[in-house]
Amino acid sequence: MGITALFVILLVILIFLVSYIPNLTLRKKIFIVIATLLVCFAVLAILFATQFGGGREPIQESDSVEIKQ
């Protein structure tokens, strides 16, 4: 939910800022907005993939525990 809100806020800000740039066609303005959103999404995906899994290691069996038969 928070990521969706972040993208909506970023989209509104980008559209607002790009609309003030003169000498750009509508196609170039749309391309700039889409490219910026894709870069932002890629950075967020990399952060989620690396940061949240960084401190955790998979549970492994200890070698000191002996199996009793």
C-alpha atoms as a PDB file:
ATOM      1  CA  MET A   1       0.000   0.000   0.000  1.00  0.00           C
ATOM      2  CA  GLY A   2       2.813   2.407   0.834  1.00  0.00           C
ATOM      3  CA  ILE A   3       4.679   1.656  -2.373  1.00  0.00           C
ATOM      4  CA  THR A   4       1.553   2.370  -4.426  1.00  0.00           C
ATOM      5  CA  ALA A   5       1.126   5.712  -2.678  1.00  0.00           C
ATOM      6  CA  LEU A   6       4.790   6.493  -3.307  1.00  0.00           C
ATOM      7  CA  PHE A   7       4.387   5.839  -7.040  1.00  0.00           C
ATOM      8  CA  VAL A   8       1.217   7.923  -7.261  1.00  0.00           C
ATOM      9  CA  ILE A   9       2.892  10.861  -5.501  1.00  0.00           C
ATOM     10  CA  LEU A  10       5.973  10.497  -7.709  1.00  0.00           C
ATOM     11  CA  LEU A  11       3.790  10.345 -10.825  1.00  0.00           C
ATOM     12  CA  VAL A  12       1.905  13.522  -9.905  1.00  0.00           C
ATOM     13  CA  ILE A  13       5.127  15.394  -9.133  1.00  0.00           C
ATOM     14  CA  LEU A  14       6.750  14.224 -12.374  1.00  0.00           C
ATOM     15  CA  ILE A  15       3.772  15.212 -14.497  1.00  0.00           C
ATOM     16  CA  PHE A  16       3.656  18.599 -12.794  1.00  0.00           C
ATOM     17  CA  LEU A  17       7.377  19.241 -13.319  1.00  0.00           C
ATOM     18  CA  VAL A  18       7.548  17.925 -16.880  1.00  0.00           C
ATOM     19  CA  SER A  19       4.549  20.008 -17.920  1.00  0.00           C
ATOM     20  CA  TYR A  20       6.578  23.174 -17.270  1.00  0.00           C
ATOM     21  CA  ILE A  21       9.434  22.187 -19.591  1.00  0.00           C
ATOM     22  CA  PRO A  22       8.985  24.067 -22.866  1.00  0.00           C
ATOM     23  CA  ASN A  23       9.948  22.774 -26.316  1.00  0.00           C
ATOM     24  CA  LEU A  24       9.005  19.156 -25.577  1.00  0.00           C
ATOM     25  CA  THR A  25       6.382  17.247 -27.442  1.00  0.00           C
ATOM     26  CA  LEU A  26       3.760  15.268 -25.575  1.00  0.00           C
ATOM     27  CA  ARG A  27       5.432  12.025 -26.630  1.00  0.00           C
ATOM     28  CA  LYS A  28       8.764  13.083 -25.102  1.00  0.00           C
ATOM     29  CA  LYS A  29       7.061  14.178 -21.877  1.00  0.00           C
ATOM     30  CA  ILE A  30       5.299  10.814 -21.551  1.00  0.00           C
ATOM     31  CA  PHE A  31       8.575   9.004 -22.271  1.00  0.00           C
ATOM     32  CA  ILE A  32      10.384  10.981 -19.550  1.00  0.00           C
ATOM     33  CA  VAL A  33       7.687  10.163 -16.982  1.00  0.00           C
ATOM     34  CA  ILE A  34       7.625   6.446 -17.852  1.00  0.00           C
ATOM     35  CA  ALA A  35      11.424   6.147 -17.871  1.00  0.00           C
ATOM     36  CA  THR A  36      11.707   7.855 -14.485  1.00  0.00           C
ATOM     37  CA  LEU A  37       9.041   5.597 -12.966  1.00  0.00           C
ATOM     38  CA  LEU A  38      10.777   2.493 -14.298  1.00  0.00           C
ATOM     39  CA  VAL A  39      14.108   3.595 -12.841  1.00  0.00           C
ATOM     40  CA  CYS A  40      12.445   4.296  -9.487  1.00  0.00           C
ATOM     41  CA  PHE A  41      10.749   0.884  -9.543  1.00  0.00           C
ATOM     42  CA  ALA A  42      14.045  -0.845 -10.370  1.00  0.00           C
ATOM     43  CA  VAL A  43      15.840   0.896  -7.495  1.00  0.00           C
ATOM     44  CA  LEU A  44      13.062  -0.044  -5.071  1.00  0.00           C
ATOM     45  CA  ALA A  45      13.128  -3.648  -6.276  1.00  0.00           C
ATOM     46  CA  ILE A  46      16.893  -3.857  -5.758  1.00  0.00           C
ATOM     47  CA  LEU A  47      16.581  -2.338  -2.290  1.00  0.00           C
ATOM     48  CA  PHE A  48      13.853  -4.767  -1.279  1.00  0.00           C
ATOM     49  CA  ALA A  49      15.752  -7.744  -2.674  1.00  0.00           C
ATOM     50  CA  THR A  50      19.052  -6.949  -1.006  1.00  0.00           C
ATOM     51  CA  GLN A  51      18.349  -5.016   2.175  1.00  0.00           C
ATOM     52  CA  PHE A  52      15.583  -7.027   3.792  1.00  0.00           C
ATOM     53  CA  GLY A  53      17.228 -10.406   3.205  1.00  0.00           C
ATOM     54  CA  GLY A  54      20.719  -9.303   4.151  1.00  0.00           C
ATOM     55  CA  GLY A  55      20.766 -10.008   7.875  1.00  0.00           C
ATOM     56  CA  ARG A  56      19.043 -13.366   7.848  1.00  0.00           C
ATOM     57  CA  GLU A  57      20.746 -16.651   7.221  1.00  0.00           C
ATOM     58  CA  PRO A  58      18.915 -19.887   6.567  1.00  0.00           C
ATOM     59  CA  ILE A  59      18.457 -22.198   9.531  1.00  0.00           C
ATOM     60  CA  GLN A  60      21.073 -24.932   9.446  1.00  0.00           C
ATOM     61  CA  GLU A  61      21.489 -27.978  11.564  1.00  0.00           C
ATOM     62  CA  SER A  62      24.284 -27.802  14.079  1.00  0.00           C
ATOM     63  CA  ASP A  63      27.124 -30.312  13.751  1.00  0.00           C
ATOM     64  CA  SER A  64      27.340 -30.619  17.533  1.00  0.00           C
ATOM     65  CA  VAL A  65      23.918 -32.252  17.809  1.00  0.00           C
ATOM     66  CA  GLU A  66      24.278 -36.014  17.632  1.00  0.00           C
ATOM     67  CA  ILE A  67      21.510 -38.248  16.429  1.00  0.00           C
ATOM     68  CA  LYS A  68      20.580 -40.830  19.082  1.00  0.00           C
ATOM     69  CA  GLN A  69      19.639 -44.271  17.829  1.00  0.00           C
END
